[in-house]
Amino acid sequence: MAKEKTPRITPLDDRVVVEPMEAEDKTTGGILLPDTAKQKPQRGRIVAVGKGKLTDSGERHGLAVVVGDEVIYGRYSGSDVEVEGKEYKIMRESDILAKIVK
């Protein structure tokens, strides 16, 4: 099994890099969706995290997410970037709505 290559992106402060998951191909009722009807994905996997937000006292507050976590974020959250041919989102930790617990 080939190991997936992580992007060469290091987010700053309380930012994270998320690899969006593919949009659903069909509805829960089994109807296949064409590409034009698919919604923007709102789920992704964390591939890089910053060191945390710097407080006024000079301490860093750690993040609640770690590399590998699957998260749900707002539909229009973050900035879309392309690195080495792959699409990623860079967003603040506060843009993440929830962690998927398995």
PDB file of N, CA and C in Angstrom:
ATOM      1  N   MET A   1       0.848  -1.166   0.000  1.00  0.00           N
ATOM      2  CA  MET A   1       0.000   0.000   0.000  1.00  0.00           C
ATOM      3  C   MET A   1       0.897   1.233   0.000  1.00  0.00           C
ATOM      4  N   ALA A   2       0.677   2.156  -0.927  1.00  0.00           N
ATOM      5  CA  ALA A   2       1.483   3.371  -1.029  1.00  0.00           C
ATOM      6  C   ALA A   2       1.029   4.380   0.017  1.00  0.00           C
ATOM      7  N   LYS A   3       1.987   5.008   0.667  1.00  0.00           N
ATOM      8  CA  LYS A   3       1.671   6.022   1.667  1.00  0.00           C
ATOM      9  C   LYS A   3       1.290   7.316   0.957  1.00  0.00           C
ATOM     10  N   GLU A   4       0.182   7.948   1.445  1.00  0.00           N
ATOM     11  CA  GLU A   4      -0.261   9.194   0.845  1.00  0.00           C
ATOM     12  C   GLU A   4       0.715  10.303   1.195  1.00  0.00           C
ATOM     13  N   LYS A   5       1.023  11.124   0.225  1.00  0.00           N
ATOM     14  CA  LYS A   5       1.948  12.225   0.429  1.00  0.00           C
ATOM     15  C   LYS A   5       1.200  13.409   1.021  1.00  0.00           C
ATOM     16  N   THR A   6       1.693  13.952   2.135  1.00  0.00           N
ATOM     17  CA  THR A   6       1.052  15.107   2.737  1.00  0.00           C
ATOM     18  C   THR A   6       1.535  16.373   2.038  1.00  0.00           C
ATOM     19  N   PRO A   7       0.687  17.402   2.004  1.00  0.00           N
ATOM     20  CA  PRO A   7       1.062  18.623   1.287  1.00  0.00           C
ATOM     21  C   PRO A   7       2.185  19.370   2.006  1.00  0.00           C
ATOM     22  N   ARG A   8       2.906  20.149   1.258  1.00  0.00           N
ATOM     23  CA  ARG A   8       3.977  20.967   1.835  1.00  0.00           C
ATOM     24  C   ARG A   8       3.402  22.318   2.230  1.00  0.00           C
ATOM     25  N   ILE A   9       2.441  22.282   3.139  1.00  0.00           N
ATOM     26  CA  ILE A   9       1.801  23.492   3.648  1.00  0.00           C
ATOM     27  C   ILE A   9       1.909  23.456   5.162  1.00  0.00           C
ATOM     28  N   THR A  10       2.365  24.550   5.748  1.00  0.00           N
ATOM     29  CA  THR A  10       2.396  24.676   7.193  1.00  0.00           C
ATOM     30  C   THR A  10       1.506  25.851   7.580  1.00  0.00           C
ATOM     31  N   PRO A  11       0.314  25.560   8.122  1.00  0.00           N
ATOM     32  CA  PRO A  11      -0.579  26.653   8.501  1.00  0.00           C
ATOM     33  C   PRO A  11      -0.053  27.405   9.718  1.00  0.00           C
ATOM     34  N   LEU A  12      -0.383  28.668   9.820  1.00  0.00           N
ATOM     35  CA  LEU A  12       0.070  29.504  10.920  1.00  0.00           C
ATOM     36  C   LEU A  12      -1.003  29.622  11.995  1.00  0.00           C
ATOM     37  N   ASP A  13      -0.583  29.841  13.208  1.00  0.00           N
ATOM     38  CA  ASP A  13      -1.451  30.083  14.358  1.00  0.00           C
ATOM     39  C   ASP A  13      -2.571  29.049  14.482  1.00  0.00           C
ATOM     40  N   ASP A  14      -3.841  29.509  14.464  1.00  0.00           N
ATOM     41  CA  ASP A  14      -4.971  28.604  14.694  1.00  0.00           C
ATOM     42  C   ASP A  14      -5.609  28.142  13.388  1.00  0.00           C
ATOM     43  N   ARG A  15      -4.829  28.108  12.326  1.00  0.00           N
ATOM     44  CA  ARG A  15      -5.353  27.659  11.033  1.00  0.00           C
ATOM     45  C   ARG A  15      -5.071  26.173  10.827  1.00  0.00           C
ATOM     46  N   VAL A  16      -5.914  25.555   9.986  1.00  0.00           N
ATOM     47  CA  VAL A  16      -5.754  24.149   9.642  1.00  0.00           C
ATOM     48  C   VAL A  16      -5.874  23.992   8.134  1.00  0.00           C
ATOM     49  N   VAL A  17      -5.277  22.936   7.608  1.00  0.00           N
ATOM     50  CA  VAL A  17      -5.411  22.591   6.189  1.00  0.00           C
ATOM     51  C   VAL A  17      -6.306  21.361   6.126  1.00  0.00           C
ATOM     52  N   VAL A  18      -7.382  21.464   5.316  1.00  0.00           N
ATOM     53  CA  VAL A  18      -8.368  20.398   5.201  1.00  0.00           C
ATOM     54  C   VAL A  18      -8.411  19.913   3.760  1.00  0.00           C
ATOM     55  N   GLU A  19      -8.422  18.592   3.591  1.00  0.00           N
ATOM     56  CA  GLU A  19      -8.614  17.991   2.276  1.00  0.00           C
ATOM     57  C   GLU A  19     -10.102  17.652   2.167  1.00  0.00           C
ATOM     58  N   PRO A  20     -10.850  18.396   1.323  1.00  0.00           N
ATOM     59  CA  PRO A  20     -12.294  18.144   1.210  1.00  0.00           C
ATOM     60  C   PRO A  20     -12.578  16.745   0.687  1.00  0.00           C
ATOM     61  N   MET A  21     -13.646  16.145   1.195  1.00  0.00           N
ATOM     62  CA  MET A  21     -14.092  14.840   0.712  1.00  0.00           C
ATOM     63  C   MET A  21     -14.977  15.071  -0.502  1.00  0.00           C
ATOM     64  N   GLU A  22     -15.112  14.048  -1.318  1.00  0.00           N
ATOM     65  CA  GLU A  22     -15.926  14.155  -2.524  1.00  0.00           C
ATOM     66  C   GLU A  22     -17.395  14.364  -2.163  1.00  0.00           C
ATOM     67  N   ALA A  23     -18.098  15.127  -2.989  1.00  0.00           N
ATOM     68  CA  ALA A  23     -19.531  15.326  -2.804  1.00  0.00           C
ATOM     69  C   ALA A  23     -20.257  14.018  -3.092  1.00  0.00           C
ATOM     70  N   GLU A  24     -21.416  13.854  -2.480  1.00  0.00           N
ATOM     71  CA  GLU A  24     -22.199  12.635  -2.664  1.00  0.00           C
ATOM     72  C   GLU A  24     -22.657  12.488  -4.110  1.00  0.00           C
ATOM     73  N   ASP A  25     -22.595  11.252  -4.638  1.00  0.00           N
ATOM     74  CA  ASP A  25     -23.019  10.971  -6.005  1.00  0.00           C
ATOM     75  C   ASP A  25     -24.512  10.704  -6.117  1.00  0.00           C
ATOM     76  N   LYS A  26     -25.124  10.331  -4.981  1.00  0.00           N
ATOM     77  CA  LYS A  26     -26.558  10.067  -5.020  1.00  0.00           C
ATOM     78  C   LYS A  26     -27.209  10.489  -3.713  1.00  0.00           C
ATOM     79  N   THR A  27     -28.517  10.696  -3.775  1.00  0.00           N
ATOM     80  CA  THR A  27     -29.266  11.102  -2.594  1.00  0.00           C
ATOM     81  C   THR A  27     -29.507   9.899  -1.700  1.00  0.00           C
ATOM     82  N   THR A  28     -30.044  10.147  -0.511  1.00  0.00           N
ATOM     83  CA  THR A  28     -30.338   9.039   0.399  1.00  0.00           C
ATOM     84  C   THR A  28     -31.412   8.128  -0.177  1.00  0.00           C
ATOM     85  N   GLY A  29     -32.238   8.647  -1.086  1.00  0.00           N
ATOM     86  CA  GLY A  29     -33.257   7.841  -1.742  1.00  0.00           C
ATOM     87  C   GLY A  29     -32.730   7.041  -2.918  1.00  0.00           C
ATOM     88  N   GLY A  30     -31.442   7.222  -3.284  1.00  0.00           N
ATOM     89  CA  GLY A  30     -30.829   6.448  -4.347  1.00  0.00           C
ATOM     90  C   GLY A  30     -30.816   7.121  -5.701  1.00  0.00           C
ATOM     91  N   ILE A  31     -31.221   8.397  -5.778  1.00  0.00           N
ATOM     92  CA  ILE A  31     -31.223   9.109  -7.061  1.00  0.00           C
ATOM     93  C   ILE A  31     -29.804   9.583  -7.367  1.00  0.00           C
ATOM     94  N   LEU A  32     -29.292   9.248  -8.555  1.00  0.00           N
ATOM     95  CA  LEU A  32     -27.951   9.686  -8.965  1.00  0.00           C
ATOM     96  C   LEU A  32     -27.980  11.164  -9.320  1.00  0.00           C
ATOM     97  N   LEU A  33     -26.974  11.901  -8.837  1.00  0.00           N
ATOM     98  CA  LEU A  33     -26.895  13.342  -9.077  1.00  0.00           C
ATOM     99  C   LEU A  33     -25.871  13.658 -10.167  1.00  0.00           C
ATOM    100  N   PRO A  34     -26.233  14.539 -11.123  1.00  0.00           N
ATOM    101  CA  PRO A  34     -25.227  14.983 -12.099  1.00  0.00           C
ATOM    102  C   PRO A  34     -24.255  15.943 -11.421  1.00  0.00           C
ATOM    103  N   ASP A  35     -23.096  16.167 -12.024  1.00  0.00           N
ATOM    104  CA  ASP A  35     -22.081  17.042 -11.433  1.00  0.00           C
ATOM    105  C   ASP A  35     -22.613  18.430 -11.122  1.00  0.00           C
ATOM    106  N   THR A  36     -23.510  18.951 -11.959  1.00  0.00           N
ATOM    107  CA  THR A  36     -24.026  20.303 -11.761  1.00  0.00           C
ATOM    108  C   THR A  36     -24.945  20.407 -10.554  1.00  0.00           C
ATOM    109  N   ALA A  37     -25.508  19.309 -10.084  1.00  0.00           N
ATOM    110  CA  ALA A  37     -26.437  19.333  -8.953  1.00  0.00           C
ATOM    111  C   ALA A  37     -25.765  19.018  -7.624  1.00  0.00           C
ATOM    112  N   LYS A  38     -24.500  18.631  -7.647  1.00  0.00           N
ATOM    113  CA  LYS A  38     -23.803  18.287  -6.409  1.00  0.00           C
ATOM    114  C   LYS A  38     -23.529  19.547  -5.602  1.00  0.00           C
ATOM    115  N   GLN A  39     -23.703  19.439  -4.291  1.00  0.00           N
ATOM    116  CA  GLN A  39     -23.399  20.557  -3.403  1.00  0.00           C
ATOM    117  C   GLN A  39     -21.918  20.554  -3.067  1.00  0.00           C
ATOM    118  N   LYS A  40     -21.428  21.744  -2.686  1.00  0.00           N
ATOM    119  CA  LYS A  40     -20.038  21.825  -2.242  1.00  0.00           C
ATOM    120  C   LYS A  40     -19.856  20.921  -1.037  1.00  0.00           C
ATOM    121  N   PRO A  41     -18.763  20.173  -0.966  1.00  0.00           N
ATOM    122  CA  PRO A  41     -18.565  19.309   0.192  1.00  0.00           C
ATOM    123  C   PRO A  41     -18.405  20.127   1.465  1.00  0.00           C
ATOM    124  N   GLN A  42     -18.913  19.594   2.570  1.00  0.00           N
ATOM    125  CA  GLN A  42     -18.775  20.255   3.858  1.00  0.00           C
ATOM    126  C   GLN A  42     -18.026  19.372   4.843  1.00  0.00           C
ATOM    127  N   ARG A  43     -17.472  18.283   4.343  1.00  0.00           N
ATOM    128  CA  ARG A  43     -16.693  17.374   5.180  1.00  0.00           C
ATOM    129  C   ARG A  43     -15.296  17.255   4.609  1.00  0.00           C
ATOM    130  N   GLY A  44     -14.355  17.028   5.493  1.00  0.00           N
ATOM    131  CA  GLY A  44     -12.987  16.856   5.037  1.00  0.00           C
ATOM    132  C   GLY A  44     -12.127  16.230   6.109  1.00  0.00           C
ATOM    133  N   ARG A  45     -10.873  15.998   5.731  1.00  0.00           N
ATOM    134  CA  ARG A  45      -9.903  15.385   6.637  1.00  0.00           C
ATOM    135  C   ARG A  45      -8.786  16.383   6.878  1.00  0.00           C
ATOM    136  N   ILE A  46      -8.417  16.577   8.147  1.00  0.00           N
ATOM    137  CA  ILE A  46      -7.344  17.497   8.525  1.00  0.00           C
ATOM    138  C   ILE A  46      -6.013  16.888   8.078  1.00  0.00           C
ATOM    139  N   VAL A  47      -5.232  17.654   7.305  1.00  0.00           N
ATOM    140  CA  VAL A  47      -3.929  17.160   6.853  1.00  0.00           C
ATOM    141  C   VAL A  47      -2.760  17.944   7.460  1.00  0.00           C
ATOM    142  N   ALA A  48      -3.026  19.114   8.059  1.00  0.00           N
ATOM    143  CA  ALA A  48      -1.977  19.894   8.725  1.00  0.00           C
ATOM    144  C   ALA A  48      -2.640  20.876   9.688  1.00  0.00           C
ATOM    145  N   VAL A  49      -1.981  21.135  10.812  1.00  0.00           N
ATOM    146  CA  VAL A  49      -2.499  22.086  11.800  1.00  0.00           C
ATOM    147  C   VAL A  49      -1.404  23.060  12.209  1.00  0.00           C
ATOM    148  N   GLY A  50      -1.822  24.263  12.585  1.00  0.00           N
ATOM    149  CA  GLY A  50      -0.887  25.265  13.078  1.00  0.00           C
ATOM    150  C   GLY A  50      -0.537  25.000  14.540  1.00  0.00           C
ATOM    151  N   LYS A  51       0.260  25.870  15.114  1.00  0.00           N
ATOM    152  CA  LYS A  51       0.715  25.680  16.498  1.00  0.00           C
ATOM    153  C   LYS A  51      -0.295  26.161  17.527  1.00  0.00           C
ATOM    154  N   GLY A  52      -1.317  26.880  17.111  1.00  0.00           N
ATOM    155  CA  GLY A  52      -2.313  27.392  18.042  1.00  0.00           C
ATOM    156  C   GLY A  52      -2.253  28.906  18.122  1.00  0.00           C
ATOM    157  N   LYS A  53      -3.339  29.480  18.630  1.00  0.00           N
ATOM    158  CA  LYS A  53      -3.438  30.933  18.717  1.00  0.00           C
ATOM    159  C   LYS A  53      -2.552  31.464  19.840  1.00  0.00           C
ATOM    160  N   LEU A  54      -1.857  32.543  19.568  1.00  0.00           N
ATOM    161  CA  LEU A  54      -0.982  33.180  20.541  1.00  0.00           C
ATOM    162  C   LEU A  54      -1.807  34.145  21.387  1.00  0.00           C
ATOM    163  N   THR A  55      -1.781  33.965  22.703  1.00  0.00           N
ATOM    164  CA  THR A  55      -2.555  34.832  23.590  1.00  0.00           C
ATOM    165  C   THR A  55      -1.769  36.096  23.919  1.00  0.00           C
ATOM    166  N   ASP A  56      -2.426  37.038  24.594  1.00  0.00           N
ATOM    167  CA  ASP A  56      -1.771  38.282  24.992  1.00  0.00           C
ATOM    168  C   ASP A  56      -0.617  38.038  25.966  1.00  0.00           C
ATOM    169  N   SER A  57      -0.698  36.937  26.719  1.00  0.00           N
ATOM    170  CA  SER A  57       0.358  36.622  27.682  1.00  0.00           C
ATOM    171  C   SER A  57       1.548  35.913  27.032  1.00  0.00           C
ATOM    172  N   GLY A  58       1.445  35.614  25.728  1.00  0.00           N
ATOM    173  CA  GLY A  58       2.547  34.982  25.014  1.00  0.00           C
ATOM    174  C   GLY A  58       2.484  33.471  24.975  1.00  0.00           C
ATOM    175  N   GLU A  59       1.409  32.886  25.522  1.00  0.00           N
ATOM    176  CA  GLU A  59       1.246  31.432  25.496  1.00  0.00           C
ATOM    177  C   GLU A  59       0.451  31.022  24.274  1.00  0.00           C
ATOM    178  N   ARG A  60       0.611  29.781  23.864  1.00  0.00           N
ATOM    179  CA  ARG A  60      -0.144  29.246  22.729  1.00  0.00           C
ATOM    180  C   ARG A  60      -1.256  28.342  23.244  1.00  0.00           C
ATOM    181  N   HIS A  61      -2.455  28.555  22.720  1.00  0.00           N
ATOM    182  CA  HIS A  61      -3.581  27.661  23.021  1.00  0.00           C
ATOM    183  C   HIS A  61      -3.599  26.588  21.948  1.00  0.00           C
ATOM    184  N   GLY A  62      -3.496  25.328  22.356  1.00  0.00           N
ATOM    185  CA  GLY A  62      -3.496  24.220  21.410  1.00  0.00           C
ATOM    186  C   GLY A  62      -4.833  24.093  20.693  1.00  0.00           C
ATOM    187  N   LEU A  63      -4.834  23.374  19.581  1.00  0.00           N
ATOM    188  CA  LEU A  63      -6.051  23.180  18.805  1.00  0.00           C
ATOM    189  C   LEU A  63      -6.794  21.937  19.273  1.00  0.00           C
ATOM    190  N   ALA A  64      -8.106  21.924  19.050  1.00  0.00           N
ATOM    191  CA  ALA A  64      -8.943  20.785  19.444  1.00  0.00           C
ATOM    192  C   ALA A  64      -8.944  19.689  18.377  1.00  0.00           C
ATOM    193  N   VAL A  65      -8.329  19.953  17.220  1.00  0.00           N
ATOM    194  CA  VAL A  65      -8.274  18.961  16.145  1.00  0.00           C
ATOM    195  C   VAL A  65      -6.822  18.577  15.888  1.00  0.00           C
ATOM    196  N   VAL A  66      -6.641  17.370  15.372  1.00  0.00           N
ATOM    197  CA  VAL A  66      -5.296  16.881  15.040  1.00  0.00           C
ATOM    198  C   VAL A  66      -5.322  16.333  13.619  1.00  0.00           C
ATOM    199  N   VAL A  67      -4.155  16.119  13.062  1.00  0.00           N
ATOM    200  CA  VAL A  67      -4.042  15.556  11.718  1.00  0.00           C
ATOM    201  C   VAL A  67      -4.750  14.205  11.686  1.00  0.00           C
ATOM    202  N   GLY A  68      -5.582  14.012  10.672  1.00  0.00           N
ATOM    203  CA  GLY A  68      -6.322  12.762  10.522  1.00  0.00           C
ATOM    204  C   GLY A  68      -7.776  12.858  10.946  1.00  0.00           C
ATOM    205  N   ASP A  69      -8.131  13.883  11.724  1.00  0.00           N
ATOM    206  CA  ASP A  69      -9.526  14.045  12.141  1.00  0.00           C
ATOM    207  C   ASP A  69     -10.407  14.337  10.939  1.00  0.00           C
ATOM    208  N   GLU A  70     -11.622  13.779  10.956  1.00  0.00           N
ATOM    209  CA  GLU A  70     -12.616  14.083   9.933  1.00  0.00           C
ATOM    210  C   GLU A  70     -13.535  15.145  10.532  1.00  0.00           C
ATOM    211  N   VAL A  71     -13.747  16.238   9.783  1.00  0.00           N
ATOM    212  CA  VAL A  71     -14.494  17.373  10.322  1.00  0.00           C
ATOM    213  C   VAL A  71     -15.597  17.829   9.374  1.00  0.00           C
ATOM    214  N   ILE A  72     -16.530  18.587   9.940  1.00  0.00           N
ATOM    215  CA  ILE A  72     -17.580  19.249   9.168  1.00  0.00           C
ATOM    216  C   ILE A  72     -17.335  20.744   9.319  1.00  0.00           C
ATOM    217  N   TYR A  73     -17.389  21.464   8.203  1.00  0.00           N
ATOM    218  CA  TYR A  73     -17.147  22.909   8.236  1.00  0.00           C
ATOM    219  C   TYR A  73     -18.234  23.610   7.440  1.00  0.00           C
ATOM    220  N   GLY A  74     -18.317  24.931   7.595  1.00  0.00           N
ATOM    221  CA  GLY A  74     -19.312  25.715   6.879  1.00  0.00           C
ATOM    222  C   GLY A  74     -19.100  25.625   5.376  1.00  0.00           C
ATOM    223  N   ARG A  75     -20.179  25.686   4.626  1.00  0.00           N
ATOM    224  CA  ARG A  75     -20.135  25.489   3.176  1.00  0.00           C
ATOM    225  C   ARG A  75     -19.165  26.453   2.478  1.00  0.00           C
ATOM    226  N   TYR A  76     -19.091  27.691   2.929  1.00  0.00           N
ATOM    227  CA  TYR A  76     -18.227  28.668   2.263  1.00  0.00           C
ATOM    228  C   TYR A  76     -17.052  29.093   3.147  1.00  0.00           C
ATOM    229  N   SER A  77     -16.652  28.238   4.064  1.00  0.00           N
ATOM    230  CA  SER A  77     -15.554  28.536   4.988  1.00  0.00           C
ATOM    231  C   SER A  77     -14.194  28.388   4.314  1.00  0.00           C
ATOM    232  N   GLY A  78     -13.247  29.150   4.807  1.00  0.00           N
ATOM    233  CA  GLY A  78     -11.861  28.979   4.391  1.00  0.00           C
ATOM    234  C   GLY A  78     -11.551  29.466   2.994  1.00  0.00           C
ATOM    235  N   SER A  79     -10.304  29.277   2.619  1.00  0.00           N
ATOM    236  CA  SER A  79      -9.796  29.661   1.303  1.00  0.00           C
ATOM    237  C   SER A  79      -9.385  28.411   0.545  1.00  0.00           C
ATOM    238  N   ASP A  80      -9.810  28.321  -0.707  1.00  0.00           N
ATOM    239  CA  ASP A  80      -9.436  27.187  -1.548  1.00  0.00           C
ATOM    240  C   ASP A  80      -8.050  27.425  -2.135  1.00  0.00           C
ATOM    241  N   VAL A  81      -7.179  26.422  -2.018  1.00  0.00           N
ATOM    242  CA  VAL A  81      -5.839  26.503  -2.599  1.00  0.00           C
ATOM    243  C   VAL A  81      -5.540  25.191  -3.313  1.00  0.00           C
ATOM    244  N   GLU A  82      -4.646  25.259  -4.283  1.00  0.00           N
ATOM    245  CA  GLU A  82      -4.200  24.054  -4.983  1.00  0.00           C
ATOM    246  C   GLU A  82      -2.702  23.926  -4.776  1.00  0.00           C
ATOM    247  N   VAL A  83      -2.281  22.763  -4.274  1.00  0.00           N
ATOM    248  CA  VAL A  83      -0.865  22.498  -4.039  1.00  0.00           C
ATOM    249  C   VAL A  83      -0.539  21.156  -4.662  1.00  0.00           C
ATOM    250  N   GLU A  84       0.451  21.149  -5.544  1.00  0.00           N
ATOM    251  CA  GLU A  84       0.900  19.930  -6.221  1.00  0.00           C
ATOM    252  C   GLU A  84      -0.262  19.183  -6.870  1.00  0.00           C
ATOM    253  N   GLY A  85      -1.188  19.950  -7.457  1.00  0.00           N
ATOM    254  CA  GLY A  85      -2.296  19.367  -8.201  1.00  0.00           C
ATOM    255  C   GLY A  85      -3.481  18.897  -7.374  1.00  0.00           C
ATOM    256  N   LYS A  86      -3.463  19.101  -6.056  1.00  0.00           N
ATOM    257  CA  LYS A  86      -4.579  18.693  -5.200  1.00  0.00           C
ATOM    258  C   LYS A  86      -5.234  19.920  -4.581  1.00  0.00           C
ATOM    259  N   GLU A  87      -6.548  19.831  -4.402  1.00  0.00           N
ATOM    260  CA  GLU A  87      -7.307  20.930  -3.804  1.00  0.00           C
ATOM    261  C   GLU A  87      -7.337  20.791  -2.285  1.00  0.00           C
ATOM    262  N   TYR A  88      -7.122  21.899  -1.587  1.00  0.00           N
ATOM    263  CA  TYR A  88      -7.193  21.953  -0.130  1.00  0.00           C
ATOM    264  C   TYR A  88      -7.938  23.207   0.276  1.00  0.00           C
ATOM    265  N   LYS A  89      -8.365  23.247   1.536  1.00  0.00           N
ATOM    266  CA  LYS A  89      -8.946  24.438   2.133  1.00  0.00           C
ATOM    267  C   LYS A  89      -8.086  24.809   3.324  1.00  0.00           C
ATOM    268  N   ILE A  90      -7.808  26.094   3.464  1.00  0.00           N
ATOM    269  CA  ILE A  90      -7.119  26.592   4.647  1.00  0.00           C
ATOM    270  C   ILE A  90      -8.137  27.432   5.396  1.00  0.00           C
ATOM    271  N   MET A  91      -8.363  27.086   6.666  1.00  0.00           N
ATOM    272  CA  MET A  91      -9.367  27.802   7.454  1.00  0.00           C
ATOM    273  C   MET A  91      -8.931  27.904   8.898  1.00  0.00           C
ATOM    274  N   ARG A  92      -9.565  28.802   9.616  1.00  0.00           N
ATOM    275  CA  ARG A  92      -9.326  28.911  11.050  1.00  0.00           C
ATOM    276  C   ARG A  92     -10.039  27.769  11.756  1.00  0.00           C
ATOM    277  N   GLU A  93      -9.511  27.377  12.896  1.00  0.00           N
ATOM    278  CA  GLU A  93     -10.144  26.307  13.659  1.00  0.00           C
ATOM    279  C   GLU A  93     -11.590  26.672  13.998  1.00  0.00           C
ATOM    280  N   SER A  94     -11.869  27.932  14.214  1.00  0.00           N
ATOM    281  CA  SER A  94     -13.222  28.361  14.573  1.00  0.00           C
ATOM    282  C   SER A  94     -14.223  28.172  13.435  1.00  0.00           C
ATOM    283  N   ASP A  95     -13.747  27.980  12.181  1.00  0.00           N
ATOM    284  CA  ASP A  95     -14.638  27.704  11.043  1.00  0.00           C
ATOM    285  C   ASP A  95     -15.115  26.261  11.030  1.00  0.00           C
ATOM    286  N   ILE A  96     -14.479  25.403  11.836  1.00  0.00           N
ATOM    287  CA  ILE A  96     -14.868  23.998  11.908  1.00  0.00           C
ATOM    288  C   ILE A  96     -16.063  23.904  12.844  1.00  0.00           C
ATOM    289  N   LEU A  97     -17.115  23.256  12.350  1.00  0.00           N
ATOM    290  CA  LEU A  97     -18.359  23.147  13.116  1.00  0.00           C
ATOM    291  C   LEU A  97     -18.367  21.937  14.039  1.00  0.00           C
ATOM    292  N   ALA A  98     -17.786  20.813  13.589  1.00  0.00           N
ATOM    293  CA  ALA A  98     -17.819  19.586  14.387  1.00  0.00           C
ATOM    294  C   ALA A  98     -16.758  18.620  13.926  1.00  0.00           C
ATOM    295  N   LYS A  99     -16.395  17.697  14.831  1.00  0.00           N
ATOM    296  CA  LYS A  99     -15.511  16.581  14.524  1.00  0.00           C
ATOM    297  C   LYS A  99     -16.387  15.339  14.388  1.00  0.00           C
ATOM    298  N   ILE A 100     -16.080  14.485  13.404  1.00  0.00           N
ATOM    299  CA  ILE A 100     -16.797  13.215  13.239  1.00  0.00           C
ATOM    300  C   ILE A 100     -16.137  12.196  14.173  1.00  0.00           C
ATOM    301  N   VAL A 101     -16.929  11.636  15.075  1.00  0.00           N
ATOM    302  CA  VAL A 101     -16.419  10.640  16.018  1.00  0.00           C
ATOM    303  C   VAL A 101     -16.858   9.278  15.528  1.00  0.00           C
ATOM    304  N   LYS A 102     -15.894   8.382  15.340  1.00  0.00           N
ATOM    305  CA  LYS A 102     -16.202   7.038  14.830  1.00  0.00           C
ATOM    306  C   LYS A 102     -16.099   6.013  15.923  1.00  0.00           C
TER     307      LYS A 102
END
